[in-house]
Protein backbone atom coordinates (compact mmCIF):
# COMPACT_ATOMS: atom_id res chain seq x y z
CA UNK A 1 -3.24 -19.76 -3.54
CA UNK A 2 -1.19 -20.20 -0.49
CA UNK A 3 2.15 -22.11 -1.09
CA UNK A 4 2.18 -25.81 0.37
CA UNK A 5 4.26 -24.98 3.44
CA UNK A 6 1.96 -22.16 4.47
CA UNK A 7 -0.97 -24.51 4.08
CA UNK A 8 0.77 -27.06 6.27
CA UNK A 9 1.38 -24.57 8.88
CA UNK A 10 -2.27 -23.46 8.91
CA UNK A 11 -3.47 -27.01 9.50
CA UNK A 12 -5.76 -27.13 12.59
CA UNK A 13 -6.33 -23.39 12.57
CA UNK A 14 -10.01 -22.28 12.16
CA UNK A 15 -10.70 -18.80 10.99
CA UNK A 16 -13.36 -17.24 13.08
CA UNK A 17 -16.55 -16.14 11.05
CA UNK A 18 -16.71 -12.33 10.96
CA UNK A 19 -19.91 -10.64 12.41
CA UNK A 20 -20.36 -7.26 11.02
CA UNK A 21 -23.68 -5.39 11.72
CA UNK A 22 -22.36 -1.85 11.49
CA UNK A 23 -24.56 0.87 9.82
CA UNK A 24 -22.70 1.21 6.50
CA UNK A 25 -21.60 -2.50 6.31
CA UNK A 26 -23.66 -3.47 3.21
CA UNK A 27 -22.72 -0.34 1.03
CA UNK A 28 -19.09 -0.59 2.34
CA UNK A 29 -18.85 -4.26 1.22
CA UNK A 30 -19.91 -3.42 -2.29
CA UNK A 31 -17.57 -0.53 -2.53
CA UNK A 32 -14.64 -2.72 -1.26
CA UNK A 33 -15.47 -5.42 -3.63
CA UNK A 34 -15.57 -2.98 -6.57
CA UNK A 35 -12.18 -1.63 -5.64
CA UNK A 36 -10.63 -5.12 -5.12
CA UNK A 37 -11.86 -6.16 -8.66
CA UNK A 38 -9.88 -3.30 -10.20
CA UNK A 39 -6.71 -3.26 -8.13
CA UNK A 40 -3.60 -3.67 -10.16
CA UNK A 41 -2.02 -6.95 -9.87
CA UNK A 42 1.32 -5.47 -8.55
CA UNK A 43 -0.48 -4.34 -5.40
CA UNK A 44 -1.20 -6.89 -2.80
CA UNK A 45 -2.77 -6.96 0.67
CA UNK A 46 0.50 -6.10 2.46
CA UNK A 47 0.87 -2.99 0.50
CA UNK A 48 -2.70 -1.95 1.54
CA UNK A 49 -2.02 -2.79 5.14
CA UNK A 50 0.93 -0.63 4.96
CA UNK A 51 -0.99 2.22 3.41
CA UNK A 52 -3.76 1.92 6.16
CA UNK A 53 -1.10 1.99 8.89
CA UNK A 54 0.59 4.94 7.45
CA UNK A 55 -2.70 6.75 7.10
CA UNK A 56 -3.43 6.41 10.78
CA UNK A 57 0.07 7.56 11.73
CA UNK A 58 -0.52 10.62 9.66
CA UNK A 59 -3.91 11.33 11.05
CA UNK A 60 -2.21 11.74 14.46
CA UNK A 61 0.60 14.00 12.87
CA UNK A 62 -2.26 16.01 11.32
CA UNK A 63 -3.89 16.51 14.67
CA UNK A 64 -0.56 17.86 16.03
CA UNK A 65 -0.11 20.20 13.10
CA UNK A 66 -3.68 21.42 13.88
CA UNK A 67 -2.43 22.90 17.13
CA UNK A 68 -0.73 25.63 15.07
CA UNK A 69 -2.82 25.59 11.87
CA UNK A 70 -6.63 24.50 11.57
CA UNK A 71 -5.92 23.27 8.14
CA UNK A 72 -4.35 20.12 9.93
CA UNK A 73 -8.05 19.07 10.68
CA UNK A 74 -8.92 18.92 6.98
CA UNK A 75 -5.55 16.99 6.46
CA UNK A 76 -6.62 14.60 9.20
CA UNK A 77 -9.83 13.84 7.19
CA UNK A 78 -7.84 13.07 4.08
CA UNK A 79 -5.55 10.61 6.02
CA UNK A 80 -8.69 9.03 7.72
CA UNK A 81 -9.78 8.23 4.12
CA UNK A 82 -6.33 6.72 3.34
CA UNK A 83 -6.45 4.69 6.52
CA UNK A 84 -9.94 3.49 5.71
CA UNK A 85 -8.92 2.66 2.09
CA UNK A 86 -5.91 0.39 3.24
CA UNK A 87 -7.25 -1.01 6.54
CA UNK A 88 -10.65 -2.03 5.00
CA UNK A 89 -9.51 -3.08 1.55
CA UNK A 90 -6.54 -5.34 2.53
CA UNK A 91 -8.70 -8.32 3.68
CA UNK A 92 -11.27 -7.93 0.91
CA UNK A 93 -8.45 -8.07 -1.63
CA UNK A 94 -6.98 -11.18 -0.11
CA UNK A 95 -10.30 -12.88 -0.12
CA UNK A 96 -11.02 -11.84 -3.59
CA UNK A 97 -7.68 -13.22 -4.93
CA UNK A 98 -7.84 -16.30 -2.68
CA UNK A 99 -4.57 -15.32 -1.00
CA UNK A 100 -5.92 -15.39 2.62
CA UNK A 101 -3.44 -15.70 5.54
CA UNK A 102 -5.89 -15.90 8.45
CA UNK A 103 -3.34 -15.99 11.29
CA UNK A 104 -0.92 -13.49 9.75
CA UNK A 105 -3.55 -11.06 8.65
CA UNK A 106 -5.48 -11.21 11.94
CA UNK A 107 -2.48 -10.67 13.92
CA UNK A 108 -0.61 -7.94 11.91
CA UNK A 109 -3.82 -6.00 11.27
CA UNK A 110 -4.64 -5.81 15.04
CA UNK A 111 -1.22 -5.09 16.20
CA UNK A 112 -1.15 -2.19 13.71
CA UNK A 113 -4.71 -1.11 14.91
CA UNK A 114 -3.42 -0.86 18.43
CA UNK A 115 -0.44 1.15 17.39
CA UNK A 116 -2.68 3.34 15.15
CA UNK A 117 -4.93 4.06 18.08
CA UNK A 118 -2.02 5.23 20.12
CA UNK A 119 -0.89 7.65 17.24
CA UNK A 120 -4.47 9.03 16.71
CA UNK A 121 -5.08 9.51 20.57
CA UNK A 122 -1.59 11.12 21.03
CA UNK A 123 -2.30 13.47 18.16
CA UNK A 124 -5.53 14.55 19.64
CA UNK A 125 -3.97 14.95 23.11
CA UNK A 126 -1.25 17.17 21.53
CA UNK A 127 -3.74 19.12 19.23
CA UNK A 128 -5.21 21.45 21.92
CA UNK A 129 -8.65 20.34 20.78
CA UNK A 130 -9.04 17.61 23.30
CA UNK A 131 -7.83 17.45 26.86
CA UNK A 132 -5.05 14.94 27.25
CA UNK A 133 -6.76 13.03 29.99
CA UNK A 134 -9.82 12.54 27.83
CA UNK A 135 -7.60 11.44 24.94
CA UNK A 136 -5.97 8.88 27.29
CA UNK A 137 -9.36 7.61 28.52
CA UNK A 138 -10.37 7.08 24.97
CA UNK A 139 -7.31 5.04 24.26
CA UNK A 140 -7.67 2.92 27.41
CA UNK A 141 -11.47 2.36 26.50
CA UNK A 142 -10.45 1.34 23.04
CA UNK A 143 -7.84 -1.04 24.08
CA UNK A 144 -10.09 -2.68 26.69
CA UNK A 145 -12.83 -3.15 24.05
CA UNK A 146 -10.22 -4.60 21.70
CA UNK A 147 -8.94 -7.09 24.28
CA UNK A 148 -12.55 -8.31 24.90
CA UNK A 149 -13.06 -8.80 21.18
CA UNK A 150 -9.95 -10.78 20.64
CA UNK A 151 -10.61 -12.93 23.71
CA UNK A 152 -14.20 -13.49 22.40
CA UNK A 153 -12.72 -14.46 19.07
CA UNK A 154 -10.39 -17.02 20.48
CA UNK A 155 -12.86 -18.57 22.93
CA UNK A 156 -16.07 -18.28 21.01
CA UNK A 157 -14.70 -18.58 17.44
CA UNK A 158 -16.61 -15.50 16.48
CA UNK A 159 -14.88 -12.17 15.37
CA UNK A 160 -17.23 -9.28 16.36
CA UNK A 161 -16.22 -6.46 14.00
CA UNK A 162 -18.83 -4.12 15.16
CA UNK A 163 -20.74 -3.26 18.31
CA UNK A 164 -24.37 -2.15 18.08
CA UNK A 165 -24.27 -0.16 14.74
CA UNK A 166 -20.76 1.13 15.22
CA UNK A 167 -17.67 -0.19 13.55
CA UNK A 168 -14.28 1.35 12.54
CA UNK A 169 -15.81 2.99 9.41
CA UNK A 170 -18.47 4.75 11.50
CA UNK A 171 -16.01 6.07 13.93
CA UNK A 172 -13.83 7.49 11.02
CA UNK A 173 -16.94 9.17 9.70
CA UNK A 174 -17.88 10.77 13.11
CA UNK A 175 -14.17 12.01 13.59
CA UNK A 176 -14.28 13.42 10.05
CA UNK A 177 -17.53 15.26 10.77
CA UNK A 178 -16.16 16.58 14.11
CA UNK A 179 -13.02 17.82 12.32
CA UNK A 180 -15.22 19.64 9.84
CA UNK A 181 -17.25 21.22 12.73
CA UNK A 182 -14.06 22.27 14.33
CA UNK A 183 -12.65 23.76 11.21
CA UNK A 184 -15.85 25.69 10.49
CA UNK A 185 -17.16 26.68 13.96
CA UNK A 186 -14.13 26.49 16.37
CA UNK A 187 -13.31 24.22 19.18
CA UNK A 188 -15.95 25.31 21.77
CA UNK A 189 -19.47 24.14 22.43
CA UNK A 190 -21.88 25.34 25.05
CA UNK A 191 -23.81 23.03 27.26
CA UNK A 192 -26.20 24.93 29.59
CA UNK A 193 -24.21 27.79 31.25
CA UNK A 194 -20.85 26.03 30.69
CA UNK A 195 -18.54 26.02 27.62
CA UNK A 196 -16.48 22.94 26.86
CA UNK A 197 -14.21 21.74 24.04
CA UNK A 198 -16.40 20.06 21.30
CA UNK A 199 -13.94 17.06 21.14
CA UNK A 200 -13.95 16.77 24.97
CA UNK A 201 -17.76 16.23 24.74
CA UNK A 202 -17.33 13.87 21.95
CA UNK A 203 -14.40 12.12 23.74
CA UNK A 204 -16.32 11.56 26.93
CA UNK A 205 -19.32 10.22 24.98
CA UNK A 206 -17.02 7.80 23.18
CA UNK A 207 -15.52 6.52 26.40
CA UNK A 208 -18.83 6.00 28.04
CA UNK A 209 -20.15 4.35 24.78
CA UNK A 210 -17.03 2.02 24.55
CA UNK A 211 -17.25 1.27 28.24
CA UNK A 212 -20.97 0.17 28.02
CA UNK A 213 -20.08 -1.98 24.86
CA UNK A 214 -17.19 -3.65 26.99
CA UNK A 215 -19.44 -4.34 30.02
CA UNK A 216 -22.40 -5.72 27.95
CA UNK A 217 -20.12 -7.83 25.79
CA UNK A 218 -18.27 -9.15 28.72
CA UNK A 219 -21.33 -10.14 30.73
CA UNK A 220 -22.87 -11.85 27.58
CA UNK A 221 -19.87 -13.68 26.62
CA UNK A 222 -19.20 -14.78 30.12
CA UNK A 223 -22.82 -16.20 30.41
CA UNK A 224 -22.44 -17.95 27.06
CA UNK A 225 -19.12 -19.49 28.07
CA UNK A 226 -20.50 -20.73 31.37
CA UNK A 227 -23.48 -22.32 29.72
CA UNK A 228 -21.11 -24.05 27.41
CA UNK A 229 -18.89 -25.19 30.23
CA UNK A 230 -20.95 -25.48 33.39
CA UNK A 231 -19.53 -26.94 36.72
C-alpha cells in the first residue's frame, strides 16, 4: 500500500486504462503474472525498472561489439530478453503487490524508454549492419509515435500500449529473429537485381510502419477530440 502522503499527492490523478491488443498480449500477461507471484520480496518494481533500462543499454553496446565480432548479435538477443524481463514485469509486480505509483511509474518508464531507444538505435548505427541514416530515421519515427501516444493518454485518458498487433514485445521478437538471421546468413539480402543490408530493409519497413501508425492514430484522435469539443 502507498503511504498516506503519497496517496494525498495522487488525489485527483486518474490513471488511464491500458489498451493492449498486441499479438502475444494474452500469453505474455499470464507469464508476467506467474513471474510476479514468485518474485522474492526483496525485489521491487524499481529494481526491475533498472534491470530493464540496463538491458536496453547493453543491447546497444552489443550491437557496437557486433561491428568486430558477430557474437555480439547473440549477446544482443540475451539483453533484449533482460530488457523484456525488467521493463514488462515492473508494472505487473507493482499491481500484484498493490504498490502502484501511476504518475511516477508512467513518467520514469517512458523517460527510460526514450533513452533506451536512443541507445539501441545508436548501437545499430555503429554496428555496420544498418546505415546510420536508417537508424536515425527509426529513432525519429519511434519518438514521434511515442509523443502521439503520450498526448493521447493525457487528452483521451487512454494509454494505447500497442498499435495494430504490434507492441514492444513483438518488436523485441522481430529484432531477435533479425539478429539470428544476420548471425547465420550474414548482413546482405537481395531484392531483385540489387543487394541491400538486411537490417536496412527491416529498418525502412519499420519507419514506414511507424509513420503509418502515427498518421492513422493522429487523424483518429483528432477527429475524436473535435467531436468531443466542437466549435
